[in-house]
């Protein structure tokens, strides 16, 4: 786990400990939060890669080259 993910996880768990959730519900909730976060990050990454590829193509670079425009 990266330091950022770890701090986010700890913050989530602290927040959960203040709410009146049972341990089982806490586990389900934190797992869902983590899944949603991973999914959002993956989507963001893919969107960034597509925009980079489009920018590279419009600048005349071959598709898939990693020049940041």
Protein backbone atom coordinates (compact mmCIF):
# COMPACT_ATOMS: atom_id res chain seq x y z
CA UNK A 1 0.00 0.00 0.00
CA UNK A 2 1.30 3.44 -0.84
CA UNK A 3 1.65 6.00 1.97
CA UNK A 4 -1.24 8.00 0.50
CA UNK A 5 -3.52 4.97 0.35
CA UNK A 6 -2.53 4.07 3.87
CA UNK A 7 -3.35 7.50 5.29
CA UNK A 8 -6.64 7.49 3.41
CA UNK A 9 -7.43 4.06 4.82
CA UNK A 10 -6.59 5.19 8.35
CA UNK A 11 -8.71 8.32 7.96
CA UNK A 12 -11.63 6.20 6.72
CA UNK A 13 -11.29 3.83 9.65
CA UNK A 14 -11.11 6.71 12.14
CA UNK A 15 -14.26 8.19 10.66
CA UNK A 16 -15.97 4.79 10.84
CA UNK A 17 -14.98 4.33 14.48
CA UNK A 18 -16.88 7.51 15.33
CA UNK A 19 -20.04 6.21 13.69
CA UNK A 20 -22.20 3.53 15.28
CA UNK A 21 -21.46 0.78 12.76
CA UNK A 22 -20.89 -2.82 13.74
CA UNK A 23 -17.45 -4.28 12.88
CA UNK A 24 -18.97 -6.31 10.03
CA UNK A 25 -20.53 -3.22 8.47
CA UNK A 26 -17.30 -1.30 8.93
CA UNK A 27 -15.39 -3.97 7.03
CA UNK A 28 -17.90 -3.96 4.18
CA UNK A 29 -17.94 -0.18 4.02
CA UNK A 30 -14.15 0.26 4.00
CA UNK A 31 -13.78 -2.44 1.33
CA UNK A 32 -16.35 -0.68 -0.83
CA UNK A 33 -14.65 2.67 -0.36
CA UNK A 34 -11.36 1.11 -1.42
CA UNK A 35 -12.88 -0.52 -4.50
CA UNK A 36 -14.59 2.70 -5.56
CA UNK A 37 -11.34 4.60 -5.09
CA UNK A 38 -9.34 2.10 -7.16
CA UNK A 39 -11.94 2.20 -9.91
CA UNK A 40 -11.96 6.00 -10.01
CA UNK A 41 -8.18 6.09 -10.16
CA UNK A 42 -8.11 3.58 -13.01
CA UNK A 43 -10.72 5.60 -14.94
CA UNK A 44 -8.75 8.79 -14.41
CA UNK A 45 -5.55 7.17 -15.58
CA UNK A 46 -7.18 5.82 -18.74
CA UNK A 47 -8.72 9.20 -19.53
CA UNK A 48 -5.32 10.84 -19.11
CA UNK A 49 -3.68 8.29 -21.42
CA UNK A 50 -6.35 8.84 -24.08
CA UNK A 51 -5.94 12.61 -23.94
CA UNK A 52 -2.15 12.25 -24.19
CA UNK A 53 -2.47 9.95 -27.20
CA UNK A 54 -4.83 12.43 -28.86
CA UNK A 55 -2.47 15.35 -28.15
CA UNK A 56 0.51 13.38 -29.49
CA UNK A 57 -1.39 12.47 -32.66
CA UNK A 58 -2.42 16.07 -33.30
CA UNK A 59 1.20 17.18 -32.84
CA UNK A 60 2.31 14.70 -35.49
CA UNK A 61 3.89 12.16 -33.15
CA UNK A 62 3.10 8.48 -33.81
CA UNK A 63 0.32 6.96 -31.74
CA UNK A 64 1.52 5.55 -28.47
CA UNK A 65 4.64 7.68 -28.19
CA UNK A 66 5.09 9.11 -24.72
CA UNK A 67 5.84 12.74 -25.51
CA UNK A 68 3.96 15.05 -23.17
CA UNK A 69 2.50 17.91 -25.20
